[in-house]
N, C-alpha and C. Protein backbone atom coordinates (compact mmCIF):
# COMPACT_ATOMS: atom_id res chain seq x y z
N MET A 1 -16.60 -3.48 13.02
CA MET A 1 -15.60 -4.51 12.81
C MET A 1 -14.59 -4.33 13.93
N THR A 2 -14.16 -5.36 14.58
CA THR A 2 -13.16 -5.42 15.55
C THR A 2 -11.91 -5.79 15.05
N TYR A 3 -10.81 -5.13 15.38
CA TYR A 3 -9.54 -5.49 14.93
C TYR A 3 -8.96 -6.81 15.71
N SER A 4 -8.53 -7.77 15.05
CA SER A 4 -7.97 -8.92 15.85
C SER A 4 -6.70 -9.29 14.87
N GLY A 5 -5.69 -9.73 15.52
CA GLY A 5 -4.49 -10.21 14.79
C GLY A 5 -3.37 -9.00 15.11
N LYS A 6 -2.31 -9.32 14.53
CA LYS A 6 -1.10 -8.51 14.54
C LYS A 6 -0.79 -7.91 13.17
N ILE A 7 -0.66 -6.64 13.09
CA ILE A 7 -0.32 -5.90 11.84
C ILE A 7 1.08 -6.29 11.45
N PRO A 8 1.17 -6.72 10.18
CA PRO A 8 2.55 -7.00 9.62
C PRO A 8 3.42 -5.73 9.67
N VAL A 9 4.70 -5.68 10.11
CA VAL A 9 5.55 -4.63 10.20
C VAL A 9 6.71 -4.77 9.23
N LEU A 10 6.84 -3.80 8.45
CA LEU A 10 7.97 -3.88 7.44
C LEU A 10 9.33 -3.79 8.23
N GLY A 11 10.07 -4.85 8.02
CA GLY A 11 11.32 -4.89 8.73
C GLY A 11 12.43 -5.62 8.03
N SER A 12 13.23 -6.45 8.62
CA SER A 12 14.37 -7.04 8.09
C SER A 12 13.98 -8.17 7.06
N ASP A 13 12.75 -8.65 7.15
CA ASP A 13 12.31 -9.64 6.21
C ASP A 13 12.10 -9.20 4.86
N GLY A 14 12.12 -7.86 4.68
CA GLY A 14 11.95 -7.28 3.34
C GLY A 14 10.56 -6.89 2.83
N TYR A 15 10.54 -6.06 1.94
CA TYR A 15 9.33 -5.55 1.38
C TYR A 15 8.38 -6.58 0.67
N PRO A 16 9.00 -7.43 -0.08
CA PRO A 16 8.06 -8.43 -0.80
C PRO A 16 7.27 -9.25 0.25
N TYR A 17 7.97 -9.77 1.31
CA TYR A 17 7.31 -10.57 2.46
C TYR A 17 6.17 -9.76 3.12
N TRP A 18 6.55 -8.39 3.45
CA TRP A 18 5.74 -7.53 4.08
C TRP A 18 4.46 -7.15 3.29
N LYS A 19 4.71 -6.97 2.00
CA LYS A 19 3.65 -6.61 1.06
C LYS A 19 2.63 -7.79 0.94
N GLY A 20 3.03 -8.95 0.80
CA GLY A 20 2.08 -10.14 0.74
C GLY A 20 1.36 -10.36 2.05
N ARG A 21 1.98 -10.14 3.12
CA ARG A 21 1.35 -10.31 4.45
C ARG A 21 0.39 -9.18 4.73
N MET A 22 0.73 -7.94 4.30
CA MET A 22 -0.19 -6.82 4.62
C MET A 22 -1.38 -6.87 3.70
N GLU A 23 -1.15 -7.32 2.41
CA GLU A 23 -2.39 -7.47 1.56
C GLU A 23 -3.34 -8.52 2.23
N ALA A 24 -2.82 -9.54 2.59
CA ALA A 24 -3.79 -10.72 3.27
C ALA A 24 -4.31 -10.14 4.50
N PHE A 25 -3.55 -9.22 5.34
CA PHE A 25 -4.16 -8.73 6.51
C PHE A 25 -5.30 -7.70 6.15
N LEU A 26 -5.07 -6.79 5.21
CA LEU A 26 -6.06 -5.89 4.90
C LEU A 26 -7.23 -6.53 4.31
N VAL A 27 -7.09 -7.50 3.49
CA VAL A 27 -8.39 -8.29 2.95
C VAL A 27 -9.01 -8.88 4.06
N SER A 28 -8.32 -9.49 5.05
CA SER A 28 -8.98 -10.18 6.10
C SER A 28 -9.78 -9.23 7.10
N GLN A 29 -9.42 -7.87 7.01
CA GLN A 29 -10.21 -6.87 7.87
C GLN A 29 -11.41 -6.59 7.09
N SER A 30 -11.31 -6.48 5.83
CA SER A 30 -12.54 -6.02 5.00
C SER A 30 -12.07 -5.82 3.42
N GLN A 31 -12.91 -6.35 2.59
CA GLN A 31 -12.55 -6.19 1.16
C GLN A 31 -12.55 -4.77 0.86
N ASN A 32 -13.40 -3.87 1.58
CA ASN A 32 -13.38 -2.44 1.18
C ASN A 32 -12.14 -1.81 1.69
N ILE A 33 -11.43 -2.12 2.79
CA ILE A 33 -10.32 -1.72 3.18
C ILE A 33 -9.15 -2.08 2.23
N TRP A 34 -9.15 -3.25 1.66
CA TRP A 34 -8.14 -3.54 0.69
C TRP A 34 -8.33 -2.69 -0.62
N ASP A 35 -9.68 -2.57 -1.00
CA ASP A 35 -10.03 -1.76 -2.18
C ASP A 35 -9.47 -0.39 -2.11
N ALA A 36 -9.45 0.11 -0.88
CA ALA A 36 -8.97 1.50 -0.65
C ALA A 36 -7.45 1.69 -1.09
N THR A 37 -6.70 0.57 -1.02
CA THR A 37 -5.41 0.69 -1.40
C THR A 37 -5.17 0.55 -2.99
N GLN A 38 -6.19 0.08 -3.66
CA GLN A 38 -6.24 -0.10 -5.01
C GLN A 38 -6.96 1.04 -5.89
N SER A 39 -7.88 1.68 -5.20
CA SER A 39 -8.70 2.67 -5.88
C SER A 39 -7.95 3.84 -6.50
N THR A 40 -7.98 4.13 -7.81
CA THR A 40 -7.32 5.24 -8.39
C THR A 40 -8.17 6.40 -8.50
N THR A 41 -9.50 6.25 -8.13
CA THR A 41 -10.56 7.39 -8.30
C THR A 41 -10.93 7.97 -6.96
N PHE A 42 -10.61 7.39 -5.80
CA PHE A 42 -10.93 7.95 -4.45
C PHE A 42 -10.30 9.23 -4.27
N VAL A 43 -10.99 10.21 -3.77
CA VAL A 43 -10.53 11.53 -3.39
C VAL A 43 -11.00 11.85 -1.94
N VAL A 44 -10.15 12.31 -1.14
CA VAL A 44 -10.53 12.73 0.30
C VAL A 44 -11.46 13.91 0.12
N LEU A 45 -12.70 13.97 0.62
CA LEU A 45 -13.56 15.03 0.65
C LEU A 45 -13.72 15.65 2.00
N PRO A 46 -13.95 16.96 2.12
CA PRO A 46 -14.31 17.53 3.29
C PRO A 46 -15.59 16.94 4.04
N VAL A 47 -15.54 16.85 5.32
CA VAL A 47 -16.62 16.18 6.03
C VAL A 47 -18.01 16.65 5.34
N ALA A 48 -18.04 17.87 5.23
CA ALA A 48 -19.49 18.33 4.79
C ALA A 48 -19.87 17.83 3.41
N GLU A 49 -18.98 17.43 2.64
CA GLU A 49 -19.25 16.97 1.21
C GLU A 49 -19.53 15.45 1.29
N ARG A 50 -19.36 14.85 2.33
CA ARG A 50 -19.53 13.31 2.40
C ARG A 50 -21.06 13.06 2.65
N THR A 51 -21.86 13.13 1.57
CA THR A 51 -23.34 13.16 1.58
C THR A 51 -24.06 11.80 1.52
N THR A 52 -23.36 10.83 1.04
CA THR A 52 -24.12 9.46 0.97
C THR A 52 -23.35 8.41 1.87
N GLN A 53 -24.14 7.37 2.13
CA GLN A 53 -23.61 6.29 2.84
C GLN A 53 -22.39 5.67 2.13
N ASP A 54 -22.46 5.59 0.87
CA ASP A 54 -21.30 4.90 0.16
C ASP A 54 -20.04 5.75 0.30
N ILE A 55 -20.19 7.15 0.11
CA ILE A 55 -19.04 7.97 0.38
C ILE A 55 -18.46 7.88 1.75
N VAL A 56 -19.30 7.88 2.65
CA VAL A 56 -19.02 7.71 4.12
C VAL A 56 -18.16 6.36 4.28
N ALA A 57 -18.73 5.44 3.64
CA ALA A 57 -18.11 4.00 3.93
C ALA A 57 -16.75 4.03 3.20
N GLN A 58 -16.60 4.69 2.01
CA GLN A 58 -15.34 4.84 1.31
C GLN A 58 -14.25 5.43 2.20
N HIS A 59 -14.70 6.54 2.78
CA HIS A 59 -13.82 7.36 3.56
C HIS A 59 -13.38 6.49 4.94
N GLU A 60 -14.39 5.76 5.44
CA GLU A 60 -14.03 4.97 6.69
C GLU A 60 -13.01 3.97 6.36
N ALA A 61 -13.29 3.30 5.09
CA ALA A 61 -12.36 2.18 4.67
C ALA A 61 -11.03 2.75 4.43
N ASN A 62 -10.91 3.97 3.77
CA ASN A 62 -9.58 4.45 3.45
C ASN A 62 -8.92 4.95 4.78
N ALA A 63 -9.73 5.52 5.76
CA ALA A 63 -9.05 5.91 7.06
C ALA A 63 -8.51 4.49 7.70
N LYS A 64 -9.19 3.59 7.71
CA LYS A 64 -8.72 2.27 8.36
C LYS A 64 -7.51 1.69 7.60
N ALA A 65 -7.48 1.72 6.41
CA ALA A 65 -6.40 1.30 5.71
C ALA A 65 -5.12 2.07 5.80
N VAL A 66 -5.26 3.47 5.85
CA VAL A 66 -4.16 4.34 6.22
C VAL A 66 -3.56 3.91 7.45
N ASN A 67 -4.44 3.83 8.50
CA ASN A 67 -4.07 3.45 9.89
C ASN A 67 -3.33 2.27 9.93
N PHE A 68 -3.70 1.12 9.25
CA PHE A 68 -3.07 -0.08 9.27
C PHE A 68 -1.75 0.03 8.55
N LEU A 69 -1.73 0.62 7.49
CA LEU A 69 -0.45 0.89 6.86
C LEU A 69 0.57 1.69 7.51
N PHE A 70 0.23 2.73 8.14
CA PHE A 70 1.10 3.56 9.05
C PHE A 70 1.58 2.78 10.22
N SER A 71 0.64 1.94 10.78
CA SER A 71 1.02 1.07 11.96
C SER A 71 2.07 -0.03 11.58
N GLY A 72 2.07 -0.38 10.33
CA GLY A 72 3.04 -1.41 9.89
C GLY A 72 4.36 -0.95 9.30
N LEU A 73 4.57 0.37 9.61
CA LEU A 73 5.90 0.96 9.06
C LEU A 73 6.72 1.33 10.12
N GLY A 74 8.00 1.29 9.84
CA GLY A 74 9.07 1.84 10.85
C GLY A 74 9.14 3.29 10.67
N PRO A 75 9.88 3.99 11.56
CA PRO A 75 9.99 5.52 11.52
C PRO A 75 10.42 6.03 10.09
N MET A 76 11.33 5.41 9.47
CA MET A 76 11.90 5.90 8.20
C MET A 76 10.87 5.87 7.05
N ASP A 77 10.18 4.71 7.05
CA ASP A 77 9.26 4.47 6.00
C ASP A 77 7.99 5.51 6.33
N TYR A 78 7.67 5.43 7.61
CA TYR A 78 6.50 6.38 7.91
C TYR A 78 6.83 7.67 7.48
N GLU A 79 8.01 8.29 7.72
CA GLU A 79 8.46 9.57 7.35
C GLU A 79 8.19 9.88 5.85
N THR A 80 8.55 8.74 5.05
CA THR A 80 8.37 8.90 3.64
C THR A 80 7.04 9.10 3.09
N VAL A 81 6.08 8.55 3.91
CA VAL A 81 4.64 8.49 3.36
C VAL A 81 3.61 9.27 4.19
N SER A 82 4.12 9.83 5.37
CA SER A 82 3.23 10.42 6.50
C SER A 82 2.41 11.52 5.83
N HIS A 83 2.89 12.25 4.90
CA HIS A 83 2.12 13.32 4.23
C HIS A 83 1.05 12.99 3.33
N LEU A 84 0.88 11.78 2.96
CA LEU A 84 -0.12 11.24 1.98
C LEU A 84 -1.37 11.02 2.74
N LYS A 85 -2.44 11.20 1.91
CA LYS A 85 -3.89 10.98 2.64
C LYS A 85 -4.65 9.98 2.27
N THR A 86 -4.23 9.23 1.02
CA THR A 86 -5.14 8.09 0.67
C THR A 86 -4.19 6.83 0.78
N ALA A 87 -4.87 5.70 1.06
CA ALA A 87 -4.30 4.35 1.13
C ALA A 87 -3.49 4.00 -0.17
N ARG A 88 -4.25 4.43 -1.35
CA ARG A 88 -3.74 4.10 -2.65
C ARG A 88 -2.32 4.82 -2.78
N GLU A 89 -2.37 6.11 -2.46
CA GLU A 89 -0.94 6.85 -2.49
C GLU A 89 0.15 6.22 -1.74
N ILE A 90 -0.21 5.76 -0.51
CA ILE A 90 0.78 5.11 0.45
C ILE A 90 1.24 3.86 -0.16
N TRP A 91 0.34 3.05 -0.68
CA TRP A 91 0.69 1.73 -1.25
C TRP A 91 1.53 1.93 -2.47
N SER A 92 1.21 2.81 -3.37
CA SER A 92 1.84 3.03 -4.54
C SER A 92 3.27 3.61 -4.30
N LEU A 93 3.40 4.53 -3.37
CA LEU A 93 4.65 5.12 -3.19
C LEU A 93 5.63 4.03 -2.54
N LEU A 94 5.18 3.26 -1.65
CA LEU A 94 6.03 2.16 -0.97
C LEU A 94 6.45 1.20 -2.18
N SER A 95 5.46 0.92 -3.02
CA SER A 95 5.71 -0.08 -4.14
C SER A 95 6.81 0.50 -4.98
N ALA A 96 6.64 1.73 -5.42
CA ALA A 96 7.67 2.35 -6.31
C ALA A 96 8.95 2.43 -5.60
N HIS A 97 8.97 2.78 -4.28
CA HIS A 97 10.23 2.90 -3.44
C HIS A 97 11.09 1.54 -3.41
N TYR A 98 10.26 0.40 -3.11
CA TYR A 98 10.94 -0.80 -2.88
C TYR A 98 11.01 -1.66 -4.15
N GLU A 99 10.08 -1.52 -5.06
CA GLU A 99 10.13 -2.38 -6.31
C GLU A 99 10.47 -1.70 -7.48
N GLY A 100 10.34 -0.38 -7.45
CA GLY A 100 10.76 0.51 -8.75
C GLY A 100 9.58 0.61 -9.63
N THR A 101 9.62 1.54 -10.51
CA THR A 101 8.56 1.69 -11.45
C THR A 101 8.56 0.67 -12.46
N ALA A 102 7.48 0.62 -13.32
CA ALA A 102 7.49 -0.31 -14.41
C ALA A 102 8.63 -0.20 -15.36
N THR A 103 9.06 1.00 -15.61
CA THR A 103 10.17 1.28 -16.48
C THR A 103 11.48 0.77 -15.93
N ILE A 104 11.73 1.00 -14.55
CA ILE A 104 12.86 0.48 -13.96
C ILE A 104 12.93 -1.02 -14.01
N LYS A 105 11.69 -1.72 -13.69
CA LYS A 105 11.58 -3.14 -13.71
C LYS A 105 11.98 -3.63 -15.07
N ALA A 106 11.50 -3.06 -16.10
CA ALA A 106 11.68 -3.53 -17.41
C ALA A 106 13.22 -3.42 -17.78
N ARG A 107 13.88 -2.26 -17.36
CA ARG A 107 15.18 -2.17 -17.59
C ARG A 107 16.08 -3.22 -16.81
N LEU A 108 15.62 -3.51 -15.58
CA LEU A 108 16.45 -4.52 -14.76
C LEU A 108 16.25 -5.90 -15.48
N VAL A 109 14.98 -6.23 -15.94
CA VAL A 109 14.80 -7.47 -16.62
C VAL A 109 15.74 -7.69 -17.93
N GLU A 110 15.76 -6.47 -18.66
CA GLU A 110 16.75 -6.52 -19.77
C GLU A 110 18.15 -6.75 -19.41
N THR A 111 18.50 -5.96 -18.41
CA THR A 111 19.92 -6.04 -17.98
C THR A 111 20.28 -7.51 -17.44
N TYR A 112 19.44 -7.98 -16.64
CA TYR A 112 19.66 -9.44 -16.27
C TYR A 112 19.61 -10.42 -17.33
N ARG A 113 18.76 -10.21 -18.30
CA ARG A 113 18.71 -11.06 -19.51
C ARG A 113 20.01 -11.07 -20.21
N ARG A 114 20.58 -9.77 -20.44
CA ARG A 114 21.82 -9.72 -21.18
C ARG A 114 22.94 -10.35 -20.39
N GLU A 115 22.94 -10.16 -19.08
CA GLU A 115 24.00 -10.68 -18.20
C GLU A 115 23.98 -12.23 -18.34
N TYR A 116 22.77 -12.83 -18.41
CA TYR A 116 22.57 -14.18 -18.44
C TYR A 116 23.14 -14.64 -19.82
N GLU A 117 22.71 -14.06 -20.88
CA GLU A 117 23.01 -14.53 -22.31
C GLU A 117 24.58 -14.39 -22.42
N ASN A 118 25.26 -13.32 -21.82
CA ASN A 118 26.72 -13.17 -21.82
C ASN A 118 27.47 -14.33 -21.01
N PHE A 119 26.85 -14.73 -19.92
CA PHE A 119 27.38 -15.69 -18.98
C PHE A 119 27.34 -17.08 -19.75
N VAL A 120 26.27 -17.46 -20.41
CA VAL A 120 26.09 -18.74 -21.04
C VAL A 120 26.96 -18.93 -22.19
């Protein structure tokens, strides 16, 4: 597969904008590359243990996804995730960093709901 197009860069437009563009970009490169950002079961194996074509393909998709994600980050965000090995870990950490965890989101919704009810 040949890369064509411009990798979305996380910048002043904000994380939600980047996230949507990066998802579209990764899917356009290959569904397997996007799947690498969503797989909770993928584990990086030593080269000697990559014994089947499916496992090799998963590792290649993960490597491409990691490369695209790293290429779309500025220095500070890169520093935050550079130690991670899988696309899923990177995607999840960025999501938690910018969007918060499910618990934080639920608390924010409750807070905003209360503020709205008190305002009306």
